[in-house]
Protein backbone atom coordinates (compact mmCIF):
# COMPACT_ATOMS: atom_id res chain seq x y z
CA UNK A 1 -0.21 -0.11 -0.19
CA UNK A 2 1.18 3.37 -1.13
CA UNK A 3 1.33 6.23 1.93
CA UNK A 4 -0.97 8.38 -0.05
CA UNK A 5 -3.72 5.45 0.00
CA UNK A 6 -2.56 5.04 3.62
CA UNK A 7 -3.46 8.89 4.22
CA UNK A 8 -6.59 8.25 2.72
CA UNK A 9 -8.08 5.25 4.77
CA UNK A 10 -7.00 6.57 7.94
CA UNK A 11 -8.64 10.21 7.32
CA UNK A 12 -12.05 9.07 8.94
CA UNK A 13 -10.67 8.26 12.49
CA UNK A 14 -8.18 11.10 12.81
CA UNK A 15 -8.67 13.74 15.51
CA UNK A 16 -7.50 17.07 16.83
CA UNK A 17 -4.82 17.23 19.27
CA UNK A 18 -3.14 19.95 21.18
CA UNK A 19 -0.24 19.84 22.63
CA UNK A 20 0.16 20.72 26.20
CA UNK A 21 1.98 23.59 27.54
CA UNK A 22 4.23 23.37 30.54
CA UNK A 23 6.61 24.81 32.63
CA UNK A 24 7.20 24.90 36.38
CA UNK A 25 4.83 24.09 38.60
CA UNK A 26 2.39 25.75 39.91
CA UNK A 27 0.80 25.91 43.34
CA UNK A 28 -2.88 25.69 43.09
CA UNK A 29 -2.55 24.45 39.39
CA UNK A 30 -5.54 22.67 38.62
CA UNK A 31 -4.20 21.21 34.90
CA UNK A 32 -1.44 19.47 35.67
CA UNK A 33 1.45 16.15 35.34
CA UNK A 34 1.63 14.13 38.65
CA UNK A 35 1.55 15.41 42.36
CA UNK A 36 -1.91 15.85 44.53
CA UNK A 37 -4.86 15.63 42.88
CA UNK A 38 -7.45 17.77 43.53
CA UNK A 39 -10.23 15.61 45.74
CA UNK A 40 -14.01 16.64 46.72
CA UNK A 41 -14.24 17.10 50.57
CA UNK A 42 -16.43 13.80 50.46
CA UNK A 43 -13.30 11.96 48.09
CA UNK A 44 -11.49 9.52 49.38
CA UNK A 45 -8.23 9.29 48.06
CA UNK A 46 -8.47 6.74 44.63
CA UNK A 47 -7.33 3.40 44.89
CA UNK A 48 -6.50 0.90 42.83
CA UNK A 49 -9.42 -1.64 41.98
CA UNK A 50 -6.92 -4.49 41.49
CA UNK A 51 -4.54 -4.04 44.12
CA UNK A 52 -6.10 -1.86 46.25
CA UNK A 53 -2.95 0.26 46.71
CA UNK A 54 -3.54 4.00 46.85
CA UNK A 55 -3.06 5.60 43.32
CA UNK A 56 -0.43 8.21 41.76
CA UNK A 57 -1.65 11.14 39.86
CA UNK A 58 -0.26 10.81 36.22
CA UNK A 59 -2.55 13.25 34.48
CA UNK A 60 -5.41 16.48 36.19
CA UNK A 61 -6.94 18.26 32.92
CA UNK A 62 -9.88 21.32 34.46
CA UNK A 63 -12.07 21.27 31.16
CA UNK A 64 -11.77 25.35 31.81
CA UNK A 65 -8.11 25.42 30.94
CA UNK A 66 -8.70 23.60 27.34
CA UNK A 67 -8.42 24.99 24.17
CA UNK A 68 -12.15 26.63 23.09
CA UNK A 69 -11.74 24.31 20.13
CA UNK A 70 -11.72 21.52 22.06
CA UNK A 71 -14.99 22.32 24.18
CA UNK A 72 -15.76 20.28 26.71
CA UNK A 73 -14.87 16.32 26.07
CA UNK A 74 -15.83 15.81 29.92
CA UNK A 75 -18.18 18.17 30.75
CA UNK A 76 -17.75 21.10 32.89
CA UNK A 77 -15.24 19.49 35.02
CA UNK A 78 -12.19 17.62 35.89
CA UNK A 79 -10.40 14.80 33.70
CA UNK A 80 -8.13 12.37 35.81
CA UNK A 81 -5.85 10.10 34.82
CA UNK A 82 -4.10 8.05 37.71
CA UNK A 83 -1.63 5.07 38.04
CA UNK A 84 -1.25 2.73 41.31
CA UNK A 85 2.23 1.73 42.12
CA UNK A 86 2.17 -2.15 40.61
CA UNK A 87 1.24 -0.84 37.08
CA UNK A 88 4.46 -2.11 36.06
CA UNK A 89 3.68 -5.60 37.37
CA UNK A 90 0.51 -5.81 36.50
CA UNK A 91 -1.14 -3.90 33.20
CA UNK A 92 -4.46 -3.88 35.03
CA UNK A 93 -2.87 -1.45 37.17
CA UNK A 94 -2.25 1.34 34.76
CA UNK A 95 -5.03 4.18 34.75
CA UNK A 96 -7.74 5.18 36.58
CA UNK A 97 -9.77 7.65 34.28
CA UNK A 98 -12.71 9.32 36.63
CA UNK A 99 -14.76 11.53 34.33
CA UNK A 100 -16.46 13.57 34.70
CA UNK A 101 -15.27 14.85 38.40
CA UNK A 102 -17.31 17.83 39.39
CA UNK A 103 -14.80 20.47 40.24
CA UNK A 104 -13.72 20.53 44.05
CA UNK A 105 -14.64 23.79 46.09
CA UNK A 106 -10.90 26.15 45.81
CA UNK A 107 -8.96 26.35 49.65
CA UNK A 108 -9.90 29.35 51.36
């Protein structure tokens, strides 16, 4: 198959993507890679459904921080993906997306 034929076959599967703007950690940032997740007052720390270990935040996205062109794919809230410490040993412990997660109240 020629490269142009491959492009034509894959065209219906294409999606828009945005490169995240990253930089030094900002205290109170709502969208971030790693660190402490923002949890609602009634929300407990996320644990892996498989190994039951506390999970570590991989990424948390606030719908308000997304580009306008993205819309709000998960509503007015957060998308949070965490990993269990054992994910390297067991693929079932890799990720736990939480979508949507209503915005918690800001501290203070």
